[in-house]
Protein backbone atom coordinates (compact mmCIF):
# COMPACT_ATOMS: atom_id res chain seq x y z
CA MET A 1 88.73 100.34 110.39
CA THR A 2 88.24 96.76 109.28
CA ALA A 3 90.54 93.87 110.18
CA PHE A 4 92.09 91.80 107.38
CA SER A 5 90.66 88.66 109.01
CA THR A 6 87.14 89.77 108.06
CA LEU A 7 87.94 88.95 104.43
CA ASN A 8 87.72 85.21 105.29
CA VAL A 9 89.98 84.22 102.37
CA LEU A 10 93.48 85.06 103.56
CA PRO A 11 95.36 82.06 104.96
CA PRO A 12 96.27 82.15 108.66
CA ALA A 13 100.00 82.40 107.88
CA GLN A 14 99.39 85.48 105.75
CA LEU A 15 97.27 87.10 108.47
CA THR A 16 100.08 86.42 110.95
CA ASN A 17 102.61 88.01 108.59
CA LEU A 18 100.41 91.07 108.12
CA ASN A 19 100.07 91.48 111.89
CA GLU A 20 103.83 91.10 112.42
CA LEU A 21 104.44 93.77 109.78
CA GLY A 22 102.07 96.14 111.56
CA TYR A 23 99.15 95.81 109.15
CA LEU A 24 96.44 95.38 111.78
CA THR A 25 93.51 96.89 109.91
CA MET A 26 92.72 97.77 106.32
CA THR A 27 92.79 101.32 105.09
CA PRO A 28 89.55 102.58 103.53
CA VAL A 29 90.85 101.97 100.00
CA GLN A 30 91.91 98.42 100.93
CA ALA A 31 88.52 97.69 102.50
CA ALA A 32 86.81 98.93 99.35
CA ALA A 33 89.06 97.22 96.79
CA LEU A 34 90.24 93.95 98.36
CA PRO A 35 86.93 92.04 98.25
CA ALA A 36 86.67 92.63 94.50
CA ILE A 37 90.37 91.94 93.91
CA LEU A 38 90.23 88.68 95.87
CA ALA A 39 87.11 87.68 93.92
CA GLY A 40 89.18 87.94 90.73
CA LYS A 41 87.48 91.06 89.43
CA ASP A 42 89.28 93.86 87.63
CA VAL A 43 89.43 97.06 89.62
CA ARG A 44 90.60 100.58 89.01
CA VAL A 45 91.54 102.54 92.09
CA GLN A 46 92.54 106.16 92.51
CA ALA A 47 93.69 107.37 95.91
CA LYS A 48 96.41 109.42 97.54
CA THR A 49 99.95 108.18 97.99
CA GLY A 50 100.21 106.12 101.17
CA SER A 51 96.58 104.99 101.09
CA GLY A 52 97.39 101.28 100.76
CA LYS A 53 96.75 100.69 97.06
CA THR A 54 99.95 98.72 96.48
CA ALA A 55 99.33 96.45 99.47
CA ALA A 56 95.79 95.76 98.25
CA PHE A 57 96.95 94.78 94.78
CA GLY A 58 99.89 92.81 96.22
CA LEU A 59 97.66 90.78 98.53
CA GLY A 60 95.41 89.95 95.60
CA LEU A 61 98.41 88.87 93.55
CA LEU A 62 99.77 86.67 96.34
CA GLN A 63 96.49 84.75 96.43
CA GLN A 64 97.06 83.69 92.81
CA ILE A 65 100.54 82.23 93.38
CA ASP A 66 100.89 78.49 93.96
CA ALA A 67 103.94 78.26 96.22
CA SER A 68 104.19 74.51 95.64
CA LEU A 69 105.42 75.22 92.10
CA PHE A 70 108.60 76.88 93.38
CA GLN A 71 111.80 75.05 94.24
CA THR A 72 113.83 76.05 97.27
């Protein structure tokens, strides 16, 4: 399995959060889809429930959010 750090685009804080949540390596569907998602490409993925699709799409979405635009 491939580590999330091999993507070379996720910020260190996000990698730390993934590790703390128990996401140590990508599932096969994440390893296949995340590079394209993070490159801004449209993807269509079909895989079994529990394969990591939602996490892959969620990580791609989080990269598009500018946290500095939010008030606390």
